[in-house]
Amino acid sequence: LVTYAGTGVDMISMGALTHSSRWLDFSLEVD
């Protein structure tokens, strides 16, 4: 990760952070 950050990229996306996380079901429905 440090190697990639040193290349000057603006963002690093890591799917491993969200791959095993618990999901949350919510809705923004307005009647």
PDB file of N, CA and C in Angstrom:
ATOM      1  N   LEU A   1       0.825  -1.197   0.000  1.00  0.00           N
ATOM      2  CA  LEU A   1       0.000   0.000   0.000  1.00  0.00           C
ATOM      3  C   LEU A   1       0.865   1.256   0.000  1.00  0.00           C
ATOM      4  N   VAL A   2       1.901   1.257   0.782  1.00  0.00           N
ATOM      5  CA  VAL A   2       2.799   2.408   0.829  1.00  0.00           C
ATOM      6  C   VAL A   2       3.462   2.616  -0.523  1.00  0.00           C
ATOM      7  N   THR A   3       3.775   1.520  -1.207  1.00  0.00           N
ATOM      8  CA  THR A   3       4.386   1.609  -2.528  1.00  0.00           C
ATOM      9  C   THR A   3       3.459   2.323  -3.501  1.00  0.00           C
ATOM     10  N   TYR A   4       2.183   1.973  -3.479  1.00  0.00           N
ATOM     11  CA  TYR A   4       1.219   2.615  -4.378  1.00  0.00           C
ATOM     12  C   TYR A   4       1.003   4.077  -4.004  1.00  0.00           C
ATOM     13  N   ALA A   5       0.967   4.387  -2.725  1.00  0.00           N
ATOM     14  CA  ALA A   5       0.750   5.759  -2.282  1.00  0.00           C
ATOM     15  C   ALA A   5       1.897   6.662  -2.717  1.00  0.00           C
ATOM     16  N   GLY A   6       3.086   6.115  -2.810  1.00  0.00           N
ATOM     17  CA  GLY A   6       4.246   6.893  -3.212  1.00  0.00           C
ATOM     18  C   GLY A   6       4.284   7.232  -4.689  1.00  0.00           C
ATOM     19  N   THR A   7       3.374   6.656  -5.482  1.00  0.00           N
ATOM     20  CA  THR A   7       3.368   6.927  -6.919  1.00  0.00           C
ATOM     21  C   THR A   7       2.610   8.198  -7.264  1.00  0.00           C
ATOM     22  N   GLY A   8       1.974   8.824  -6.290  1.00  0.00           N
ATOM     23  CA  GLY A   8       1.263  10.074  -6.536  1.00  0.00           C
ATOM     24  C   GLY A   8      -0.208   9.911  -6.856  1.00  0.00           C
ATOM     25  N   VAL A   9      -0.766   8.730  -6.614  1.00  0.00           N
ATOM     26  CA  VAL A   9      -2.188   8.532  -6.885  1.00  0.00           C
ATOM     27  C   VAL A   9      -3.023   9.334  -5.893  1.00  0.00           C
ATOM     28  N   ASP A  10      -4.217   9.740  -6.316  1.00  0.00           N
ATOM     29  CA  ASP A  10      -5.096  10.524  -5.452  1.00  0.00           C
ATOM     30  C   ASP A  10      -5.905   9.648  -4.507  1.00  0.00           C
ATOM     31  N   MET A  11      -6.330   8.478  -5.000  1.00  0.00           N
ATOM     32  CA  MET A  11      -7.164   7.598  -4.187  1.00  0.00           C
ATOM     33  C   MET A  11      -6.732   6.156  -4.365  1.00  0.00           C
ATOM     34  N   ILE A  12      -6.885   5.384  -3.322  1.00  0.00           N
ATOM     35  CA  ILE A  12      -6.616   3.951  -3.386  1.00  0.00           C
ATOM     36  C   ILE A  12      -7.875   3.245  -2.906  1.00  0.00           C
ATOM     37  N   SER A  13      -8.440   2.411  -3.759  1.00  0.00           N
ATOM     38  CA  SER A  13      -9.654   1.679  -3.414  1.00  0.00           C
ATOM     39  C   SER A  13      -9.287   0.258  -3.023  1.00  0.00           C
ATOM     40  N   MET A  14      -9.725  -0.151  -1.851  1.00  0.00           N
ATOM     41  CA  MET A  14      -9.437  -1.501  -1.389  1.00  0.00           C
ATOM     42  C   MET A  14     -10.744  -2.237  -1.164  1.00  0.00           C
ATOM     43  N   GLY A  15     -11.061  -3.180  -2.032  1.00  0.00           N
ATOM     44  CA  GLY A  15     -12.279  -3.960  -1.897  1.00  0.00           C
ATOM     45  C   GLY A  15     -12.270  -4.860  -0.677  1.00  0.00           C
ATOM     46  N   ALA A  16     -11.097  -5.172  -0.162  1.00  0.00           N
ATOM     47  CA  ALA A  16     -11.010  -6.044   1.008  1.00  0.00           C
ATOM     48  C   ALA A  16     -11.650  -5.397   2.232  1.00  0.00           C
ATOM     49  N   LEU A  17     -11.716  -4.075   2.255  1.00  0.00           N
ATOM     50  CA  LEU A  17     -12.308  -3.388   3.398  1.00  0.00           C
ATOM     51  C   LEU A  17     -13.819  -3.572   3.442  1.00  0.00           C
ATOM     52  N   THR A  18     -14.459  -3.630   2.274  1.00  0.00           N
ATOM     53  CA  THR A  18     -15.917  -3.739   2.234  1.00  0.00           C
ATOM     54  C   THR A  18     -16.394  -5.134   1.862  1.00  0.00           C
ATOM     55  N   HIS A  19     -15.498  -5.992   1.417  1.00  0.00           N
ATOM     56  CA  HIS A  19     -15.901  -7.318   0.948  1.00  0.00           C
ATOM     57  C   HIS A  19     -16.495  -8.160   2.069  1.00  0.00           C
ATOM     58  N   SER A  20     -15.914  -8.110   3.248  1.00  0.00           N
ATOM     59  CA  SER A  20     -16.380  -8.969   4.335  1.00  0.00           C
ATOM     60  C   SER A  20     -17.164  -8.209   5.398  1.00  0.00           C
ATOM     61  N   SER A  21     -17.523  -6.962   5.122  1.00  0.00           N
ATOM     62  CA  SER A  21     -18.264  -6.194   6.116  1.00  0.00           C
ATOM     63  C   SER A  21     -19.734  -6.602   6.128  1.00  0.00           C
ATOM     64  N   ARG A  22     -20.390  -6.352   7.220  1.00  0.00           N
ATOM     65  CA  ARG A  22     -21.814  -6.656   7.348  1.00  0.00           C
ATOM     66  C   ARG A  22     -22.612  -5.632   6.548  1.00  0.00           C
ATOM     67  N   TRP A  23     -23.707  -6.078   5.956  1.00  0.00           N
ATOM     68  CA  TRP A  23     -24.532  -5.162   5.187  1.00  0.00           C
ATOM     69  C   TRP A  23     -25.591  -4.550   6.081  1.00  0.00           C
ATOM     70  N   LEU A  24     -26.035  -3.395   5.704  1.00  0.00           N
ATOM     71  CA  LEU A  24     -27.061  -2.685   6.449  1.00  0.00           C
ATOM     72  C   LEU A  24     -28.163  -2.295   5.473  1.00  0.00           C
ATOM     73  N   ASP A  25     -29.370  -2.742   5.752  1.00  0.00           N
ATOM     74  CA  ASP A  25     -30.507  -2.457   4.883  1.00  0.00           C
ATOM     75  C   ASP A  25     -31.263  -1.256   5.429  1.00  0.00           C
ATOM     76  N   PHE A  26     -31.260  -0.169   4.679  1.00  0.00           N
ATOM     77  CA  PHE A  26     -32.037   0.987   5.091  1.00  0.00           C
ATOM     78  C   PHE A  26     -32.679   1.625   3.868  1.00  0.00           C
ATOM     79  N   SER A  27     -33.750   2.321   4.108  1.00  0.00           N
ATOM     80  CA  SER A  27     -34.514   2.911   3.013  1.00  0.00           C
ATOM     81  C   SER A  27     -34.796   4.372   3.320  1.00  0.00           C
ATOM     82  N   LEU A  28     -34.806   5.188   2.275  1.00  0.00           N
ATOM     83  CA  LEU A  28     -35.104   6.607   2.440  1.00  0.00           C
ATOM     84  C   LEU A  28     -36.445   6.942   1.783  1.00  0.00           C
ATOM     85  N   GLU A  29     -37.396   6.043   1.943  1.00  0.00           N
ATOM     86  CA  GLU A  29     -38.717   6.257   1.351  1.00  0.00           C
ATOM     87  C   GLU A  29     -39.470   7.335   2.124  1.00  0.00           C
ATOM     88  N   VAL A  30     -40.085   8.245   1.381  1.00  0.00           N
ATOM     89  CA  VAL A  30     -40.879   9.309   1.992  1.00  0.00           C
ATOM     90  C   VAL A  30     -42.279   9.242   1.409  1.00  0.00           C
ATOM     91  N   ASP A  31     -43.267   9.199   2.290  1.00  0.00           N
ATOM     92  CA  ASP A  31     -44.664   9.150   1.823  1.00  0.00           C
ATOM     93  C   ASP A  31     -45.242  10.538   1.717  1.00  0.00           C
TER      94      ASP A  31
END
